[in-house]
Amino acid sequence: MSVKTVGVKRKIAEYKDYGKMNIKIKEIMDAREVSVYELSKETGLKHQTVKSYYNNAPLTKVDMDVLAKLCYVMGCDINDVLEYKPPKE
């Protein structure tokens, strides 16, 4: 690990609010009238997993495979599903 990397990590750690990632699958599902149950069946994902993403529940990690399945089945792009909200100034 280089000194530059360590400095960057310390700087990031100093920020209390660095923004938030939002999962916007709810908007896509609602617009297409797709239920959590239907999307769960189509993707093969657990109902609770789809429900968590639908409700934009706080997640400690995001599964790239889940995102790929959601995008594939819903016919959308990752930019349609994820949104970065910067911190308020």
C-alpha atoms as a PDB file:
ATOM      1  CA  MET A   1       0.000   0.000   0.000  1.00  0.00           C
ATOM      2  CA  SER A   2       1.424   3.360  -0.964  1.00  0.00           C
ATOM      3  CA  VAL A   3       1.507   6.447   1.239  1.00  0.00           C
ATOM      4  CA  LYS A   4      -0.849   8.199  -1.200  1.00  0.00           C
ATOM      5  CA  THR A   5      -3.511   5.539  -0.728  1.00  0.00           C
ATOM      6  CA  VAL A   6      -3.251   5.741   3.064  1.00  0.00           C
ATOM      7  CA  GLY A   7      -3.615   9.535   2.898  1.00  0.00           C
ATOM      8  CA  VAL A   8      -6.725   9.228   0.754  1.00  0.00           C
ATOM      9  CA  LYS A   9      -8.286   6.699   3.123  1.00  0.00           C
ATOM     10  CA  ARG A  10      -7.639   8.964   6.102  1.00  0.00           C
ATOM     11  CA  LYS A  11      -9.159  11.897   4.274  1.00  0.00           C
ATOM     12  CA  ILE A  12     -12.295   9.932   3.386  1.00  0.00           C
ATOM     13  CA  ALA A  13     -12.561   8.704   6.977  1.00  0.00           C
ATOM     14  CA  GLU A  14     -12.609  12.343   8.174  1.00  0.00           C
ATOM     15  CA  TYR A  15     -15.889  13.016   6.345  1.00  0.00           C
ATOM     16  CA  LYS A  16     -19.010  12.435   8.390  1.00  0.00           C
ATOM     17  CA  ASP A  17     -21.378  12.772   5.467  1.00  0.00           C
ATOM     18  CA  TYR A  18     -20.154  11.623   2.068  1.00  0.00           C
ATOM     19  CA  GLY A  19     -23.530  11.119   0.451  1.00  0.00           C
ATOM     20  CA  LYS A  20     -25.829   8.168  -0.032  1.00  0.00           C
ATOM     21  CA  MET A  21     -26.538   5.536  -2.646  1.00  0.00           C
ATOM     22  CA  ASN A  22     -30.208   5.013  -3.465  1.00  0.00           C
ATOM     23  CA  ILE A  23     -31.689   1.953  -5.129  1.00  0.00           C
ATOM     24  CA  LYS A  24     -34.481   3.036  -7.467  1.00  0.00           C
ATOM     25  CA  ILE A  25     -35.933  -0.323  -8.530  1.00  0.00           C
ATOM     26  CA  LYS A  26     -39.275   0.650  -6.936  1.00  0.00           C
ATOM     27  CA  GLU A  27     -39.863   3.384  -9.516  1.00  0.00           C
ATOM     28  CA  ILE A  28     -39.169   0.984 -12.382  1.00  0.00           C
ATOM     29  CA  MET A  29     -41.336  -1.769 -10.931  1.00  0.00           C
ATOM     30  CA  ASP A  30     -44.222   0.582 -10.160  1.00  0.00           C
ATOM     31  CA  ALA A  31     -44.114   2.121 -13.649  1.00  0.00           C
ATOM     32  CA  ARG A  32     -44.270  -1.354 -15.203  1.00  0.00           C
ATOM     33  CA  GLU A  33     -46.756  -2.678 -12.650  1.00  0.00           C
ATOM     34  CA  VAL A  34     -44.459  -5.513 -11.588  1.00  0.00           C
ATOM     35  CA  SER A  35     -44.900  -6.856  -8.061  1.00  0.00           C
ATOM     36  CA  VAL A  36     -42.164  -7.959  -5.682  1.00  0.00           C
ATOM     37  CA  TYR A  37     -43.532 -11.495  -6.010  1.00  0.00           C
ATOM     38  CA  GLU A  38     -43.378 -11.412  -9.845  1.00  0.00           C
ATOM     39  CA  LEU A  39     -39.848 -10.018  -9.924  1.00  0.00           C
ATOM     40  CA  SER A  40     -38.742 -12.558  -7.340  1.00  0.00           C
ATOM     41  CA  LYS A  41     -40.054 -15.398  -9.518  1.00  0.00           C
ATOM     42  CA  GLU A  42     -38.572 -13.984 -12.741  1.00  0.00           C
ATOM     43  CA  THR A  43     -35.106 -13.383 -11.256  1.00  0.00           C
ATOM     44  CA  GLY A  44     -34.936 -16.409  -8.986  1.00  0.00           C
ATOM     45  CA  LEU A  45     -34.078 -14.096  -6.085  1.00  0.00           C
ATOM     46  CA  LYS A  46     -35.537 -14.525  -2.622  1.00  0.00           C
ATOM     47  CA  HIS A  47     -38.700 -12.504  -2.005  1.00  0.00           C
ATOM     48  CA  GLN A  48     -37.043 -10.739   0.956  1.00  0.00           C
ATOM     49  CA  THR A  49     -34.067  -9.716  -1.205  1.00  0.00           C
ATOM     50  CA  VAL A  50     -36.281  -8.118  -3.844  1.00  0.00           C
ATOM     51  CA  LYS A  51     -38.397  -6.499  -1.122  1.00  0.00           C
ATOM     52  CA  SER A  52     -35.286  -4.966   0.495  1.00  0.00           C
ATOM     53  CA  TYR A  53     -34.135  -3.511  -2.820  1.00  0.00           C
ATOM     54  CA  TYR A  54     -37.703  -2.357  -3.591  1.00  0.00           C
ATOM     55  CA  ASN A  55     -37.929  -0.524  -0.263  1.00  0.00           C
ATOM     56  CA  ASN A  56     -34.439   0.987  -0.667  1.00  0.00           C
ATOM     57  CA  ALA A  57     -33.666  -0.560   2.718  1.00  0.00           C
ATOM     58  CA  PRO A  58     -30.288   0.268   4.242  1.00  0.00           C
ATOM     59  CA  LEU A  59     -27.865  -2.355   2.932  1.00  0.00           C
ATOM     60  CA  THR A  60     -24.360  -2.986   4.210  1.00  0.00           C
ATOM     61  CA  LYS A  61     -23.352  -4.375   0.826  1.00  0.00           C
ATOM     62  CA  VAL A  62     -24.842  -4.558  -2.634  1.00  0.00           C
ATOM     63  CA  ASP A  63     -24.659  -7.824  -4.552  1.00  0.00           C
ATOM     64  CA  MET A  64     -23.528  -7.201  -8.132  1.00  0.00           C
ATOM     65  CA  ASP A  65     -25.217 -10.428  -9.272  1.00  0.00           C
ATOM     66  CA  VAL A  66     -28.540  -9.215  -7.833  1.00  0.00           C
ATOM     67  CA  LEU A  67     -28.166  -5.893  -9.658  1.00  0.00           C
ATOM     68  CA  ALA A  68     -27.334  -7.689 -12.910  1.00  0.00           C
ATOM     69  CA  LYS A  69     -30.418  -9.918 -12.587  1.00  0.00           C
ATOM     70  CA  LEU A  70     -32.670  -6.944 -11.811  1.00  0.00           C
ATOM     71  CA  CYS A  71     -31.343  -4.991 -14.801  1.00  0.00           C
ATOM     72  CA  TYR A  72     -31.600  -7.984 -17.131  1.00  0.00           C
ATOM     73  CA  VAL A  73     -35.156  -8.953 -16.196  1.00  0.00           C
ATOM     74  CA  MET A  74     -36.417  -5.353 -16.053  1.00  0.00           C
ATOM     75  CA  GLY A  75     -34.599  -4.413 -19.270  1.00  0.00           C
ATOM     76  CA  CYS A  76     -32.897  -1.405 -17.749  1.00  0.00           C
ATOM     77  CA  ASP A  77     -29.413  -0.013 -17.181  1.00  0.00           C
ATOM     78  CA  ILE A  78     -27.527   0.175 -13.892  1.00  0.00           C
ATOM     79  CA  ASN A  79     -27.883   3.974 -14.010  1.00  0.00           C
ATOM     80  CA  ASP A  80     -31.654   3.468 -13.872  1.00  0.00           C
ATOM     81  CA  VAL A  81     -31.307   1.388 -10.692  1.00  0.00           C
ATOM     82  CA  LEU A  82     -28.592   3.184  -8.689  1.00  0.00           C
ATOM     83  CA  GLU A  83     -28.345   6.857  -7.813  1.00  0.00           C
ATOM     84  CA  TYR A  84     -25.681   8.735  -5.863  1.00  0.00           C
ATOM     85  CA  LYS A  85     -26.934  11.617  -3.720  1.00  0.00           C
ATOM     86  CA  PRO A  86     -24.042  13.856  -2.654  1.00  0.00           C
ATOM     87  CA  PRO A  87     -24.075  15.328   0.861  1.00  0.00           C
ATOM     88  CA  LYS A  88     -25.938  18.556   1.424  1.00  0.00           C
ATOM     89  CA  GLU A  89     -23.571  21.487   1.583  1.00  0.00           C
END
